[in-house]
Amino acid sequence: MGTLNAFYVRAATDTAAITATIRAKFPKAEIDADTHFCGVTMPDDAFETPESVLMDLSSRLKTDVVWLSFQSVVDAFQFHHWRAGEHLRSLVYGCFAEERTWERAEGTPEPWEREVFFGQKELERALEYLESDDEKREMQRIWHDAEIQAGRTEPSLDGRECARAVAQHFHFPGWGL
């Protein structure tokens, strides 16, 4: 079983100042800083995203803040992104309402999403279990459009591997990438 609840602050300015600002809001958090981002690991049971706090942090520091979490047993996944206080994207899959179902898909799709969620291998797996041509055409359309919609189960995902791909895309610290 694996669980991660973390957020990452782009180190656009002095890393020490960013770390001090984070410490003021999260005094017990584990912080891992490098040249790109400061990574803040939260406790395993801190699965509720502190959205207003992170949005404020992004605004005050005038930089990117990304929340990333997964729980591998149920393939839960969360991604939230703010830039200079502006909400850019939220994706929540199987976290609070129903396992293996998209709960939120808000904002503008990010460049990494097509590769992470809509690979050819994943499409072939999804098509394998569909019986009607209409269902298959709809699934192909969803893949073609890279469409994520609340209430759907597709595209399904592996929470840990999606988090790893996001971490790789952004070069987050602490992932050994």
N, C-alpha and C. Protein backbone atom coordinates (compact mmCIF):
# COMPACT_ATOMS: atom_id res chain seq x y z
N MET A 1 0.84 -1.18 0.00
CA MET A 1 0.00 0.00 0.00
C MET A 1 0.88 1.24 0.00
N GLY A 2 0.50 2.24 -0.76
CA GLY A 2 1.22 3.49 -0.79
C GLY A 2 0.27 4.66 -0.72
N THR A 3 0.67 5.67 0.01
CA THR A 3 -0.11 6.89 0.14
C THR A 3 0.83 8.07 0.09
N LEU A 4 0.42 9.10 -0.59
CA LEU A 4 1.16 10.35 -0.60
C LEU A 4 0.17 11.50 -0.60
N ASN A 5 0.42 12.46 0.26
CA ASN A 5 -0.27 13.74 0.25
C ASN A 5 0.83 14.78 0.33
N ALA A 6 0.99 15.57 -0.72
CA ALA A 6 2.09 16.52 -0.77
C ALA A 6 1.72 17.72 -1.62
N PHE A 7 2.45 18.80 -1.37
CA PHE A 7 2.33 19.92 -2.30
C PHE A 7 3.73 20.43 -2.61
N TYR A 8 3.80 21.11 -3.74
CA TYR A 8 5.08 21.55 -4.28
C TYR A 8 4.96 23.02 -4.64
N VAL A 9 5.96 23.79 -4.24
CA VAL A 9 5.99 25.22 -4.50
C VAL A 9 7.18 25.50 -5.40
N ARG A 10 6.91 26.10 -6.56
CA ARG A 10 7.99 26.41 -7.49
C ARG A 10 8.94 27.40 -6.83
N ALA A 11 10.21 27.09 -6.88
CA ALA A 11 11.25 27.91 -6.25
C ALA A 11 11.64 29.04 -7.18
N ALA A 12 10.72 29.95 -7.42
CA ALA A 12 10.95 31.06 -8.34
C ALA A 12 11.79 32.16 -7.70
N THR A 13 11.82 32.19 -6.38
CA THR A 13 12.61 33.19 -5.66
C THR A 13 13.51 32.48 -4.67
N ASP A 14 13.89 33.15 -3.64
CA ASP A 14 14.76 32.61 -2.60
C ASP A 14 14.11 31.39 -1.93
N THR A 15 14.75 30.24 -2.02
CA THR A 15 14.22 29.00 -1.45
C THR A 15 14.04 29.12 0.06
N ALA A 16 14.93 29.80 0.74
CA ALA A 16 14.82 29.97 2.20
C ALA A 16 13.55 30.75 2.55
N ALA A 17 13.24 31.77 1.77
CA ALA A 17 12.02 32.55 2.02
C ALA A 17 10.77 31.71 1.77
N ILE A 18 10.81 30.90 0.73
CA ILE A 18 9.67 30.03 0.44
C ILE A 18 9.50 29.02 1.57
N THR A 19 10.59 28.42 2.01
CA THR A 19 10.53 27.44 3.10
C THR A 19 9.98 28.08 4.38
N ALA A 20 10.40 29.28 4.69
CA ALA A 20 9.90 29.97 5.88
C ALA A 20 8.40 30.25 5.77
N THR A 21 7.95 30.64 4.59
CA THR A 21 6.52 30.89 4.38
C THR A 21 5.71 29.61 4.55
N ILE A 22 6.23 28.51 4.01
CA ILE A 22 5.55 27.22 4.16
C ILE A 22 5.51 26.82 5.63
N ARG A 23 6.63 26.96 6.33
CA ARG A 23 6.71 26.60 7.76
C ARG A 23 5.68 27.36 8.59
N ALA A 24 5.41 28.61 8.22
CA ALA A 24 4.44 29.41 8.97
C ALA A 24 3.05 28.79 8.92
N LYS A 25 2.69 28.18 7.81
CA LYS A 25 1.37 27.56 7.66
C LYS A 25 1.36 26.09 8.05
N PHE A 26 2.48 25.40 7.83
CA PHE A 26 2.59 23.96 8.06
C PHE A 26 3.85 23.68 8.89
N PRO A 27 3.83 24.00 10.19
CA PRO A 27 5.05 23.93 11.01
C PRO A 27 5.65 22.53 11.15
N LYS A 28 4.86 21.48 11.04
CA LYS A 28 5.37 20.12 11.23
C LYS A 28 5.63 19.39 9.92
N ALA A 29 5.43 20.06 8.80
CA ALA A 29 5.58 19.41 7.50
C ALA A 29 7.05 19.11 7.19
N GLU A 30 7.25 18.01 6.47
CA GLU A 30 8.58 17.65 5.97
C GLU A 30 8.79 18.35 4.64
N ILE A 31 9.84 19.14 4.54
CA ILE A 31 10.09 19.94 3.33
C ILE A 31 11.37 19.46 2.66
N ASP A 32 11.29 19.22 1.35
CA ASP A 32 12.43 18.80 0.55
C ASP A 32 12.59 19.84 -0.56
N ALA A 33 13.67 20.59 -0.55
CA ALA A 33 13.86 21.68 -1.51
C ALA A 33 14.95 21.33 -2.51
N ASP A 34 14.73 21.74 -3.75
CA ASP A 34 15.78 21.66 -4.76
C ASP A 34 15.69 22.92 -5.61
N THR A 35 16.32 22.93 -6.76
CA THR A 35 16.37 24.15 -7.57
C THR A 35 15.06 24.47 -8.27
N HIS A 36 14.17 23.47 -8.44
CA HIS A 36 12.92 23.72 -9.15
C HIS A 36 11.73 23.94 -8.21
N PHE A 37 11.59 23.07 -7.22
CA PHE A 37 10.44 23.10 -6.32
C PHE A 37 10.85 22.78 -4.89
N CYS A 38 10.06 23.29 -3.96
CA CYS A 38 10.11 22.83 -2.57
C CYS A 38 8.96 21.84 -2.43
N GLY A 39 9.25 20.63 -2.01
CA GLY A 39 8.22 19.62 -1.81
C GLY A 39 7.86 19.51 -0.35
N VAL A 40 6.57 19.48 -0.05
CA VAL A 40 6.09 19.43 1.32
C VAL A 40 5.24 18.17 1.49
N THR A 41 5.74 17.21 2.24
CA THR A 41 5.02 15.96 2.46
C THR A 41 4.14 16.10 3.68
N MET A 42 2.87 15.79 3.51
CA MET A 42 1.88 15.87 4.57
C MET A 42 1.64 14.47 5.14
N PRO A 43 0.99 14.37 6.30
CA PRO A 43 0.69 13.05 6.86
C PRO A 43 -0.22 12.24 5.93
N ASP A 44 -0.15 10.92 6.05
CA ASP A 44 -0.97 10.03 5.22
C ASP A 44 -2.46 10.30 5.35
N ASP A 45 -2.91 10.75 6.52
CA ASP A 45 -4.34 10.98 6.72
C ASP A 45 -4.78 12.39 6.32
N ALA A 46 -3.88 13.20 5.78
CA ALA A 46 -4.20 14.57 5.36
C ALA A 46 -4.59 14.60 3.89
N PHE A 47 -5.64 13.83 3.56
CA PHE A 47 -6.04 13.68 2.16
C PHE A 47 -6.90 14.82 1.66
N GLU A 48 -7.50 15.59 2.57
CA GLU A 48 -8.31 16.74 2.16
C GLU A 48 -7.36 17.86 1.74
N THR A 49 -7.46 18.30 0.52
CA THR A 49 -6.59 19.35 0.01
C THR A 49 -6.92 20.69 0.68
N PRO A 50 -5.94 21.35 1.29
CA PRO A 50 -6.19 22.68 1.87
C PRO A 50 -6.18 23.75 0.77
N GLU A 51 -7.20 23.70 -0.08
CA GLU A 51 -7.20 24.52 -1.29
C GLU A 51 -7.06 26.01 -1.03
N SER A 52 -7.80 26.56 -0.09
CA SER A 52 -7.71 28.01 0.13
C SER A 52 -6.33 28.42 0.65
N VAL A 53 -5.73 27.59 1.49
CA VAL A 53 -4.39 27.87 2.02
C VAL A 53 -3.36 27.82 0.89
N LEU A 54 -3.46 26.83 0.02
CA LEU A 54 -2.50 26.69 -1.07
C LEU A 54 -2.68 27.79 -2.12
N MET A 55 -3.93 28.17 -2.38
CA MET A 55 -4.18 29.27 -3.30
C MET A 55 -3.58 30.56 -2.75
N ASP A 56 -3.76 30.80 -1.45
CA ASP A 56 -3.18 31.99 -0.82
C ASP A 56 -1.65 31.96 -0.87
N LEU A 57 -1.07 30.80 -0.62
CA LEU A 57 0.39 30.64 -0.69
C LEU A 57 0.89 30.96 -2.11
N SER A 58 0.19 30.44 -3.10
CA SER A 58 0.54 30.70 -4.50
C SER A 58 0.45 32.19 -4.81
N SER A 59 -0.58 32.83 -4.29
CA SER A 59 -0.78 34.26 -4.53
C SER A 59 0.30 35.09 -3.85
N ARG A 60 0.58 34.81 -2.58
CA ARG A 60 1.57 35.60 -1.84
C ARG A 60 2.97 35.43 -2.41
N LEU A 61 3.30 34.20 -2.84
CA LEU A 61 4.64 33.96 -3.39
C LEU A 61 4.72 34.23 -4.90
N LYS A 62 3.55 34.47 -5.52
CA LYS A 62 3.48 34.73 -6.96
C LYS A 62 4.17 33.64 -7.77
N THR A 63 3.81 32.39 -7.45
CA THR A 63 4.43 31.25 -8.12
C THR A 63 3.44 30.09 -8.20
N ASP A 64 3.91 28.99 -8.78
CA ASP A 64 3.09 27.78 -8.91
C ASP A 64 3.08 27.00 -7.61
N VAL A 65 1.90 26.51 -7.26
CA VAL A 65 1.74 25.56 -6.16
C VAL A 65 0.91 24.41 -6.71
N VAL A 66 1.39 23.19 -6.48
CA VAL A 66 0.71 21.99 -6.98
C VAL A 66 0.48 21.04 -5.82
N TRP A 67 -0.76 20.59 -5.64
CA TRP A 67 -1.10 19.52 -4.68
C TRP A 67 -1.15 18.22 -5.47
N LEU A 68 -0.51 17.20 -4.94
CA LEU A 68 -0.48 15.89 -5.58
C LEU A 68 -0.67 14.83 -4.51
N SER A 69 -1.64 13.95 -4.73
CA SER A 69 -1.82 12.86 -3.77
C SER A 69 -2.33 11.62 -4.49
N PHE A 70 -2.03 10.48 -3.86
CA PHE A 70 -2.57 9.21 -4.35
C PHE A 70 -2.69 8.26 -3.18
N GLN A 71 -3.54 7.25 -3.38
CA GLN A 71 -3.67 6.14 -2.44
C GLN A 71 -3.75 4.91 -3.32
N SER A 72 -2.73 4.06 -3.27
CA SER A 72 -2.58 3.00 -4.27
C SER A 72 -3.58 1.86 -4.13
N VAL A 73 -4.08 1.59 -2.94
CA VAL A 73 -4.99 0.45 -2.77
C VAL A 73 -6.28 0.66 -3.58
N VAL A 74 -6.78 1.89 -3.60
CA VAL A 74 -8.02 2.18 -4.32
C VAL A 74 -7.78 3.02 -5.58
N ASP A 75 -6.50 3.26 -5.90
CA ASP A 75 -6.11 4.08 -7.05
C ASP A 75 -6.74 5.47 -7.01
N ALA A 76 -6.82 6.05 -5.82
CA ALA A 76 -7.26 7.43 -5.68
C ALA A 76 -6.14 8.36 -6.15
N PHE A 77 -6.53 9.50 -6.71
CA PHE A 77 -5.56 10.44 -7.27
C PHE A 77 -6.13 11.85 -7.19
N GLN A 78 -5.29 12.80 -6.78
CA GLN A 78 -5.68 14.21 -6.79
C GLN A 78 -4.54 15.06 -7.35
N PHE A 79 -4.93 16.06 -8.11
CA PHE A 79 -3.99 17.03 -8.65
C PHE A 79 -4.69 18.38 -8.65
N HIS A 80 -4.06 19.38 -8.05
CA HIS A 80 -4.58 20.75 -8.06
C HIS A 80 -3.40 21.66 -8.37
N HIS A 81 -3.65 22.67 -9.20
CA HIS A 81 -2.56 23.56 -9.63
C HIS A 81 -3.03 25.00 -9.60
N TRP A 82 -2.23 25.85 -8.94
CA TRP A 82 -2.45 27.29 -8.90
C TRP A 82 -1.20 27.99 -9.40
N ARG A 83 -1.39 29.12 -10.03
CA ARG A 83 -0.24 29.95 -10.46
C ARG A 83 -0.56 31.39 -10.06
N ALA A 84 0.29 31.94 -9.20
CA ALA A 84 0.12 33.31 -8.69
C ALA A 84 -1.30 33.52 -8.17
N GLY A 85 -1.83 32.52 -7.49
CA GLY A 85 -3.15 32.59 -6.88
C GLY A 85 -4.31 32.22 -7.80
N GLU A 86 -4.03 32.03 -9.07
CA GLU A 86 -5.09 31.66 -10.03
C GLU A 86 -5.20 30.14 -10.10
N HIS A 87 -6.43 29.65 -9.94
CA HIS A 87 -6.68 28.21 -10.05
C HIS A 87 -6.60 27.81 -11.52
N LEU A 88 -5.71 26.86 -11.84
CA LEU A 88 -5.53 26.42 -13.22
C LEU A 88 -6.22 25.09 -13.50
N ARG A 89 -6.09 24.12 -12.55
CA ARG A 89 -6.60 22.78 -12.83
C ARG A 89 -6.83 22.01 -11.54
N SER A 90 -7.91 21.26 -11.50
CA SER A 90 -8.18 20.30 -10.42
C SER A 90 -8.67 19.01 -11.04
N LEU A 91 -8.05 17.90 -10.62
CA LEU A 91 -8.47 16.57 -11.03
C LEU A 91 -8.56 15.72 -9.77
N VAL A 92 -9.72 15.11 -9.56
CA VAL A 92 -9.92 14.24 -8.41
C VAL A 92 -10.55 12.95 -8.91
N TYR A 93 -9.90 11.84 -8.60
CA TYR A 93 -10.34 10.52 -9.08
C TYR A 93 -10.43 9.56 -7.90
N GLY A 94 -11.63 9.08 -7.62
CA GLY A 94 -11.85 8.02 -6.64
C GLY A 94 -11.43 8.34 -5.22
N CYS A 95 -11.56 9.57 -4.80
CA CYS A 95 -11.05 9.96 -3.48
C CYS A 95 -12.13 10.03 -2.40
N PHE A 96 -13.28 10.57 -2.70
CA PHE A 96 -14.23 10.88 -1.64
C PHE A 96 -15.62 10.29 -1.87
N ALA A 97 -16.07 10.24 -3.10
CA ALA A 97 -17.44 9.81 -3.37
C ALA A 97 -17.52 8.35 -3.80
N GLU A 98 -16.79 7.99 -4.85
CA GLU A 98 -16.91 6.65 -5.39
C GLU A 98 -15.56 6.20 -5.98
N GLU A 99 -15.14 5.01 -5.61
CA GLU A 99 -13.88 4.49 -6.13
C GLU A 99 -13.90 4.42 -7.64
N ARG A 100 -12.72 4.65 -8.23
CA ARG A 100 -12.49 4.52 -9.67
C ARG A 100 -13.48 5.33 -10.52
N THR A 101 -13.80 6.52 -10.02
CA THR A 101 -14.70 7.44 -10.74
C THR A 101 -14.15 8.85 -10.63
N TRP A 102 -14.20 9.57 -11.74
CA TRP A 102 -13.76 10.97 -11.73
C TRP A 102 -14.77 11.79 -10.94
N GLU A 103 -14.29 12.52 -9.96
CA GLU A 103 -15.14 13.34 -9.11
C GLU A 103 -15.07 14.82 -9.49
N ARG A 104 -13.91 15.26 -9.94
CA ARG A 104 -13.72 16.65 -10.38
C ARG A 104 -12.79 16.68 -11.57
N ALA A 105 -13.10 17.57 -12.48
CA ALA A 105 -12.23 17.89 -13.62
C ALA A 105 -12.52 19.34 -13.96
N GLU A 106 -11.75 20.23 -13.35
CA GLU A 106 -12.00 21.67 -13.50
C GLU A 106 -10.75 22.36 -14.04
N GLY A 107 -10.96 23.40 -14.80
CA GLY A 107 -9.84 24.18 -15.33
C GLY A 107 -9.38 23.69 -16.68
N THR A 108 -8.26 24.18 -17.10
CA THR A 108 -7.70 23.88 -18.42
C THR A 108 -6.81 22.64 -18.34
N PRO A 109 -7.00 21.68 -19.25
CA PRO A 109 -6.12 20.50 -19.26
C PRO A 109 -4.64 20.90 -19.35
N GLU A 110 -3.82 20.14 -18.64
CA GLU A 110 -2.38 20.40 -18.60
C GLU A 110 -1.68 19.58 -19.70
N PRO A 111 -0.51 20.03 -20.15
CA PRO A 111 0.20 19.35 -21.24
C PRO A 111 0.51 17.87 -20.97
N TRP A 112 0.71 17.48 -19.74
CA TRP A 112 1.08 16.11 -19.40
C TRP A 112 -0.10 15.13 -19.43
N GLU A 113 -1.32 15.63 -19.41
CA GLU A 113 -2.50 14.77 -19.24
C GLU A 113 -2.69 13.76 -20.37
N ARG A 114 -2.54 14.18 -21.60
CA ARG A 114 -2.77 13.25 -22.72
C ARG A 114 -1.86 12.03 -22.60
N GLU A 115 -0.59 12.26 -22.35
CA GLU A 115 0.37 11.15 -22.26
C GLU A 115 0.08 10.25 -21.05
N VAL A 116 -0.29 10.84 -19.93
CA VAL A 116 -0.49 10.09 -18.69
C VAL A 116 -1.80 9.32 -18.70
N PHE A 117 -2.88 9.92 -19.14
CA PHE A 117 -4.21 9.30 -19.04
C PHE A 117 -4.69 8.63 -20.32
N PHE A 118 -4.19 9.05 -21.47
CA PHE A 118 -4.79 8.63 -22.74
C PHE A 118 -3.81 7.92 -23.67
N GLY A 119 -3.01 7.03 -23.13
CA GLY A 119 -2.09 6.26 -23.95
C GLY A 119 -2.82 5.21 -24.78
N GLN A 120 -2.18 4.77 -25.84
CA GLN A 120 -2.76 3.77 -26.74
C GLN A 120 -3.03 2.45 -26.02
N LYS A 121 -2.12 2.04 -25.16
CA LYS A 121 -2.28 0.79 -24.42
C LYS A 121 -3.53 0.85 -23.53
N GLU A 122 -3.75 2.00 -22.90
CA GLU A 122 -4.92 2.17 -22.03
C GLU A 122 -6.21 2.15 -22.85
N LEU A 123 -6.18 2.74 -24.05
CA LEU A 123 -7.36 2.70 -24.91
C LEU A 123 -7.67 1.27 -25.32
N GLU A 124 -6.67 0.52 -25.71
CA GLU A 124 -6.89 -0.88 -26.10
C GLU A 124 -7.49 -1.68 -24.96
N ARG A 125 -7.02 -1.44 -23.73
CA ARG A 125 -7.58 -2.12 -22.57
C ARG A 125 -9.04 -1.73 -22.36
N ALA A 126 -9.35 -0.45 -22.49
CA ALA A 126 -10.72 0.02 -22.31
C ALA A 126 -11.65 -0.55 -23.38
N LEU A 127 -11.18 -0.64 -24.62
CA LEU A 127 -12.01 -1.16 -25.71
C LEU A 127 -12.26 -2.65 -25.58
N GLU A 128 -11.34 -3.36 -24.99
CA GLU A 128 -11.42 -4.81 -24.86
C GLU A 128 -12.69 -5.28 -24.16
N TYR A 129 -13.19 -4.48 -23.24
CA TYR A 129 -14.35 -4.90 -22.44
C TYR A 129 -15.67 -4.33 -22.94
N LEU A 130 -15.65 -3.59 -24.02
CA LEU A 130 -16.89 -3.03 -24.58
C LEU A 130 -17.44 -3.95 -25.65
N GLU A 131 -18.75 -4.03 -25.70
CA GLU A 131 -19.38 -4.96 -26.64
C GLU A 131 -19.93 -4.29 -27.89
N SER A 132 -20.57 -3.16 -27.74
CA SER A 132 -21.22 -2.56 -28.90
C SER A 132 -20.28 -1.60 -29.64
N ASP A 133 -20.53 -1.46 -30.93
CA ASP A 133 -19.75 -0.53 -31.74
C ASP A 133 -19.94 0.91 -31.27
N ASP A 134 -21.17 1.25 -30.83
CA ASP A 134 -21.43 2.60 -30.33
C ASP A 134 -20.58 2.90 -29.10
N GLU A 135 -20.49 1.94 -28.19
CA GLU A 135 -19.66 2.13 -26.98
C GLU A 135 -18.19 2.29 -27.36
N LYS A 136 -17.74 1.50 -28.31
CA LYS A 136 -16.35 1.58 -28.75
C LYS A 136 -16.05 2.93 -29.41
N ARG A 137 -16.98 3.40 -30.25
CA ARG A 137 -16.80 4.71 -30.89
C ARG A 137 -16.74 5.83 -29.85
N GLU A 138 -17.61 5.74 -28.85
CA GLU A 138 -17.62 6.76 -27.80
C GLU A 138 -16.30 6.75 -27.01
N MET A 139 -15.79 5.56 -26.72
CA MET A 139 -14.53 5.47 -26.00
C MET A 139 -13.40 6.04 -26.86
N GLN A 140 -13.39 5.76 -28.14
CA GLN A 140 -12.37 6.30 -29.03
C GLN A 140 -12.46 7.83 -29.10
N ARG A 141 -13.68 8.35 -29.08
CA ARG A 141 -13.88 9.80 -29.09
C ARG A 141 -13.31 10.42 -27.80
N ILE A 142 -13.61 9.81 -26.66
CA ILE A 142 -13.10 10.30 -25.38
C ILE A 142 -11.58 10.36 -25.42
N TRP A 143 -10.95 9.31 -25.94
CA TRP A 143 -9.48 9.28 -26.04
C TRP A 143 -8.98 10.34 -27.02
N HIS A 144 -9.62 10.44 -28.16
CA HIS A 144 -9.21 11.41 -29.17
C HIS A 144 -9.27 12.83 -28.61
N ASP A 145 -10.34 13.13 -27.87
CA ASP A 145 -10.54 14.46 -27.31
C ASP A 145 -9.82 14.65 -25.97
N ALA A 146 -9.23 13.58 -25.44
CA ALA A 146 -8.58 13.61 -24.11
C ALA A 146 -9.53 14.23 -23.09
N GLU A 147 -10.72 13.66 -23.03
CA GLU A 147 -11.81 14.23 -22.24
C GLU A 147 -11.94 13.56 -20.88
N ILE A 148 -11.81 14.35 -19.85
CA ILE A 148 -12.04 13.88 -18.48
C ILE A 148 -13.29 14.58 -17.98
N GLN A 149 -14.22 13.80 -17.45
CA GLN A 149 -15.49 14.37 -17.03
C GLN A 149 -15.93 13.74 -15.72
N ALA A 150 -16.35 14.57 -14.78
CA ALA A 150 -16.85 14.08 -13.50
C ALA A 150 -18.01 13.11 -13.73
N GLY A 151 -18.01 12.02 -12.96
CA GLY A 151 -19.05 11.01 -13.07
C GLY A 151 -18.67 9.83 -13.94
N ARG A 152 -17.63 9.98 -14.76
CA ARG A 152 -17.17 8.89 -15.62
C ARG A 152 -16.14 8.04 -14.90
N THR A 153 -15.99 6.81 -15.38
CA THR A 153 -14.93 5.94 -14.86
C THR A 153 -13.73 5.91 -15.79
N GLU A 154 -13.89 6.37 -17.01
CA GLU A 154 -12.78 6.39 -17.98
C GLU A 154 -12.32 7.82 -18.21
N PRO A 155 -11.05 8.01 -18.36
CA PRO A 155 -10.02 6.99 -18.34
C PRO A 155 -9.73 6.53 -16.91
N SER A 156 -9.62 5.22 -16.75
CA SER A 156 -9.25 4.70 -15.44
C SER A 156 -7.74 4.88 -15.28
N LEU A 157 -7.25 4.72 -14.06
CA LEU A 157 -5.84 5.00 -13.85
C LEU A 157 -5.27 4.21 -12.69
N ASP A 158 -3.97 4.22 -12.63
CA ASP A 158 -3.18 3.71 -11.51
C ASP A 158 -2.71 4.96 -10.76
N GLY A 159 -3.24 5.18 -9.56
CA GLY A 159 -2.97 6.40 -8.82
C GLY A 159 -1.50 6.68 -8.62
N ARG A 160 -0.73 5.67 -8.19
CA ARG A 160 0.69 5.86 -7.94
C ARG A 160 1.44 6.22 -9.22
N GLU A 161 1.16 5.51 -10.31
CA GLU A 161 1.88 5.76 -11.57
C GLU A 161 1.52 7.11 -12.17
N CYS A 162 0.27 7.53 -12.01
CA CYS A 162 -0.10 8.87 -12.49
C CYS A 162 0.64 9.93 -11.69
N ALA A 163 0.70 9.76 -10.37
CA ALA A 163 1.43 10.72 -9.53
C ALA A 163 2.91 10.74 -9.93
N ARG A 164 3.48 9.58 -10.19
CA ARG A 164 4.88 9.50 -10.60
C ARG A 164 5.10 10.26 -11.93
N ALA A 165 4.18 10.11 -12.87
CA ALA A 165 4.31 10.79 -14.16
C ALA A 165 4.20 12.30 -14.00
N VAL A 166 3.30 12.75 -13.13
CA VAL A 166 3.18 14.19 -12.86
C VAL A 166 4.48 14.70 -12.24
N ALA A 167 5.00 13.96 -11.24
CA ALA A 167 6.24 14.35 -10.58
C ALA A 167 7.40 14.42 -11.58
N GLN A 168 7.43 13.49 -12.50
CA GLN A 168 8.47 13.49 -13.52
C GLN A 168 8.32 14.69 -14.45
N HIS A 169 7.09 14.99 -14.84
CA HIS A 169 6.85 16.13 -15.73
C HIS A 169 7.35 17.44 -15.10
N PHE A 170 7.02 17.64 -13.83
CA PHE A 170 7.38 18.89 -13.15
C PHE A 170 8.78 18.86 -12.51
N HIS A 171 9.41 17.68 -12.46
CA HIS A 171 10.70 17.51 -11.78
C HIS A 171 10.59 17.79 -10.29
N PHE A 172 9.58 17.19 -9.65
CA PHE A 172 9.39 17.39 -8.22
C PHE A 172 10.49 16.69 -7.43
N PRO A 173 10.93 17.31 -6.34
CA PRO A 173 11.94 16.66 -5.49
C PRO A 173 11.37 15.47 -4.73
N GLY A 174 12.23 14.56 -4.35
CA GLY A 174 11.84 13.44 -3.51
C GLY A 174 11.32 12.23 -4.25
N TRP A 175 11.31 12.27 -5.56
CA TRP A 175 10.80 11.15 -6.34
C TRP A 175 11.90 10.27 -6.92
N GLY A 176 13.14 10.66 -6.75
CA GLY A 176 14.25 9.86 -7.27
C GLY A 176 14.23 9.73 -8.77
N LEU A 177 13.76 10.76 -9.44
CA LEU A 177 13.64 10.72 -10.91
C LEU A 177 14.84 11.36 -11.57
